[in-house]
Amino acid sequence: MRISGSTPGTPVQTVADSAPAEAARPSAAPAAQRELESAVMQPAIQAMKEMGDIDHERVAQLRDALAKGELPFDAGKLAGLIQKFHRGEQ
């Protein structure tokens, strides 16, 4: 909203202000796209359900060991494993 110069203190509604709120929101994905996204996510969702609870104490121990240099980290090996995973290799 902007203030009109003709009458001090009188607000003037602009075109953007008068547009419905729905127009400002991005449109929802088409049904086919939502179904595809759902189908793509199902294996990941199922795998997460099958995983056990996170052992936060063990995570903290590993994080500390990594920070202290007691746990080796090979970024190249990790990158290779990620590539192998995305190629569908086991």
C-alpha atoms as a PDB file:
ATOM      1  CA  MET A   1       0.000   0.000   0.000  1.00  0.00           C
ATOM      2  CA  ARG A   2       1.259   3.492  -0.739  1.00  0.00           C
ATOM      3  CA  ILE A   3       0.196   6.861   0.581  1.00  0.00           C
ATOM      4  CA  SER A   4      -1.492   9.218  -1.852  1.00  0.00           C
ATOM      5  CA  GLY A   5       0.044  12.651  -2.280  1.00  0.00           C
ATOM      6  CA  SER A   6      -3.326  14.275  -2.980  1.00  0.00           C
ATOM      7  CA  THR A   7      -4.973  13.717   0.384  1.00  0.00           C
ATOM      8  CA  PRO A   8      -2.473  13.492   3.251  1.00  0.00           C
ATOM      9  CA  GLY A   9      -2.837  10.331   5.268  1.00  0.00           C
ATOM     10  CA  THR A  10      -5.291   8.649   2.878  1.00  0.00           C
ATOM     11  CA  PRO A  11      -4.047   5.205   1.851  1.00  0.00           C
ATOM     12  CA  VAL A  12      -4.346   4.242  -1.798  1.00  0.00           C
ATOM     13  CA  GLN A  13      -4.741   0.621  -2.710  1.00  0.00           C
ATOM     14  CA  THR A  14      -2.445  -0.577  -5.496  1.00  0.00           C
ATOM     15  CA  VAL A  15      -3.055  -3.410  -7.950  1.00  0.00           C
ATOM     16  CA  ALA A  16      -0.654  -5.637  -6.012  1.00  0.00           C
ATOM     17  CA  ASP A  17      -2.548  -4.932  -2.790  1.00  0.00           C
ATOM     18  CA  SER A  18      -5.876  -5.842  -4.363  1.00  0.00           C
ATOM     19  CA  ALA A  19      -4.696  -9.183  -5.818  1.00  0.00           C
ATOM     20  CA  PRO A  20      -6.046 -12.238  -4.013  1.00  0.00           C
ATOM     21  CA  ALA A  21      -3.674 -13.900  -1.570  1.00  0.00           C
ATOM     22  CA  GLU A  22      -3.842 -17.119  -3.579  1.00  0.00           C
ATOM     23  CA  ALA A  23      -2.206 -15.400  -6.546  1.00  0.00           C
ATOM     24  CA  ALA A  24       0.864 -14.615  -4.453  1.00  0.00           C
ATOM     25  CA  ARG A  25       1.377 -18.274  -3.525  1.00  0.00           C
ATOM     26  CA  PRO A  26       3.056 -20.637  -5.941  1.00  0.00           C
ATOM     27  CA  SER A  27       0.589 -22.953  -7.621  1.00  0.00           C
ATOM     28  CA  ALA A  28       0.291 -26.490  -6.354  1.00  0.00           C
ATOM     29  CA  ALA A  29       2.035 -29.201  -8.335  1.00  0.00           C
ATOM     30  CA  PRO A  30      -0.145 -31.073 -10.811  1.00  0.00           C
ATOM     31  CA  ALA A  31      -1.570 -34.351  -9.539  1.00  0.00           C
ATOM     32  CA  ALA A  32       0.691 -36.426 -11.821  1.00  0.00           C
ATOM     33  CA  GLN A  33       3.777 -34.685 -10.461  1.00  0.00           C
ATOM     34  CA  ARG A  34       2.651 -35.200  -6.842  1.00  0.00           C
ATOM     35  CA  GLU A  35       2.084 -38.903  -7.567  1.00  0.00           C
ATOM     36  CA  LEU A  36       5.555 -39.220  -9.096  1.00  0.00           C
ATOM     37  CA  GLU A  37       7.167 -37.442  -6.166  1.00  0.00           C
ATOM     38  CA  SER A  38       5.284 -39.721  -3.809  1.00  0.00           C
ATOM     39  CA  ALA A  39       6.364 -42.842  -5.713  1.00  0.00           C
ATOM     40  CA  VAL A  40       9.982 -41.697  -5.766  1.00  0.00           C
ATOM     41  CA  MET A  41       9.971 -41.003  -2.037  1.00  0.00           C
ATOM     42  CA  GLN A  42       8.285 -44.255  -0.972  1.00  0.00           C
ATOM     43  CA  PRO A  43      11.489 -46.374  -0.874  1.00  0.00           C
ATOM     44  CA  ALA A  44      13.251 -43.743   1.230  1.00  0.00           C
ATOM     45  CA  ILE A  45      10.292 -43.407   3.574  1.00  0.00           C
ATOM     46  CA  GLN A  46      10.096 -47.181   3.973  1.00  0.00           C
ATOM     47  CA  ALA A  47      13.844 -47.443   4.642  1.00  0.00           C
ATOM     48  CA  MET A  48      13.567 -44.773   7.330  1.00  0.00           C
ATOM     49  CA  LYS A  49      10.696 -46.641   8.985  1.00  0.00           C
ATOM     50  CA  GLU A  50      12.801 -49.799   9.071  1.00  0.00           C
ATOM     51  CA  MET A  51      15.752 -48.047  10.694  1.00  0.00           C
ATOM     52  CA  GLY A  52      16.136 -48.228  14.432  1.00  0.00           C
ATOM     53  CA  ASP A  53      16.229 -45.274  16.749  1.00  0.00           C
ATOM     54  CA  ILE A  54      19.276 -43.030  16.647  1.00  0.00           C
ATOM     55  CA  ASP A  55      21.847 -43.725  19.346  1.00  0.00           C
ATOM     56  CA  HIS A  56      22.593 -40.096  20.196  1.00  0.00           C
ATOM     57  CA  GLU A  57      25.318 -41.060  22.667  1.00  0.00           C
ATOM     58  CA  ARG A  58      27.161 -43.058  19.994  1.00  0.00           C
ATOM     59  CA  VAL A  59      26.757 -40.207  17.499  1.00  0.00           C
ATOM     60  CA  ALA A  60      28.314 -37.811  20.023  1.00  0.00           C
ATOM     61  CA  GLN A  61      31.225 -40.220  20.603  1.00  0.00           C
ATOM     62  CA  LEU A  62      31.889 -40.523  16.880  1.00  0.00           C
ATOM     63  CA  ARG A  63      31.607 -36.763  16.378  1.00  0.00           C
ATOM     64  CA  ASP A  64      34.146 -36.163  19.161  1.00  0.00           C
ATOM     65  CA  ALA A  65      36.528 -38.813  17.807  1.00  0.00           C
ATOM     66  CA  LEU A  66      36.309 -37.274  14.338  1.00  0.00           C
ATOM     67  CA  ALA A  67      36.958 -33.779  15.719  1.00  0.00           C
ATOM     68  CA  LYS A  68      39.995 -35.039  17.659  1.00  0.00           C
ATOM     69  CA  GLY A  69      41.410 -36.762  14.584  1.00  0.00           C
ATOM     70  CA  GLU A  70      41.007 -40.190  16.183  1.00  0.00           C
ATOM     71  CA  LEU A  71      38.627 -41.355  13.479  1.00  0.00           C
ATOM     72  CA  PRO A  72      40.027 -41.272   9.964  1.00  0.00           C
ATOM     73  CA  PHE A  73      37.924 -39.545   7.338  1.00  0.00           C
ATOM     74  CA  ASP A  74      38.567 -40.119   3.657  1.00  0.00           C
ATOM     75  CA  ALA A  75      36.557 -37.624   1.607  1.00  0.00           C
ATOM     76  CA  GLY A  76      37.578 -39.341  -1.633  1.00  0.00           C
ATOM     77  CA  LYS A  77      36.289 -42.681  -0.398  1.00  0.00           C
ATOM     78  CA  LEU A  78      33.005 -41.093   0.684  1.00  0.00           C
ATOM     79  CA  ALA A  79      32.625 -39.422  -2.718  1.00  0.00           C
ATOM     80  CA  GLY A  80      33.260 -42.758  -4.425  1.00  0.00           C
ATOM     81  CA  LEU A  81      30.653 -44.487  -2.282  1.00  0.00           C
ATOM     82  CA  ILE A  82      28.105 -41.782  -3.064  1.00  0.00           C
ATOM     83  CA  GLN A  83      28.781 -42.140  -6.792  1.00  0.00           C
ATOM     84  CA  LYS A  84      28.548 -45.917  -6.528  1.00  0.00           C
ATOM     85  CA  PHE A  85      25.211 -45.612  -4.734  1.00  0.00           C
ATOM     86  CA  HIS A  86      23.773 -43.262  -7.355  1.00  0.00           C
ATOM     87  CA  ARG A  87      24.878 -45.588 -10.166  1.00  0.00           C
ATOM     88  CA  GLY A  88      22.877 -48.331  -8.478  1.00  0.00           C
ATOM     89  CA  GLU A  89      25.890 -50.471  -7.608  1.00  0.00           C
ATOM     90  CA  GLN A  90      25.896 -52.408  -4.365  1.00  0.00           C
END
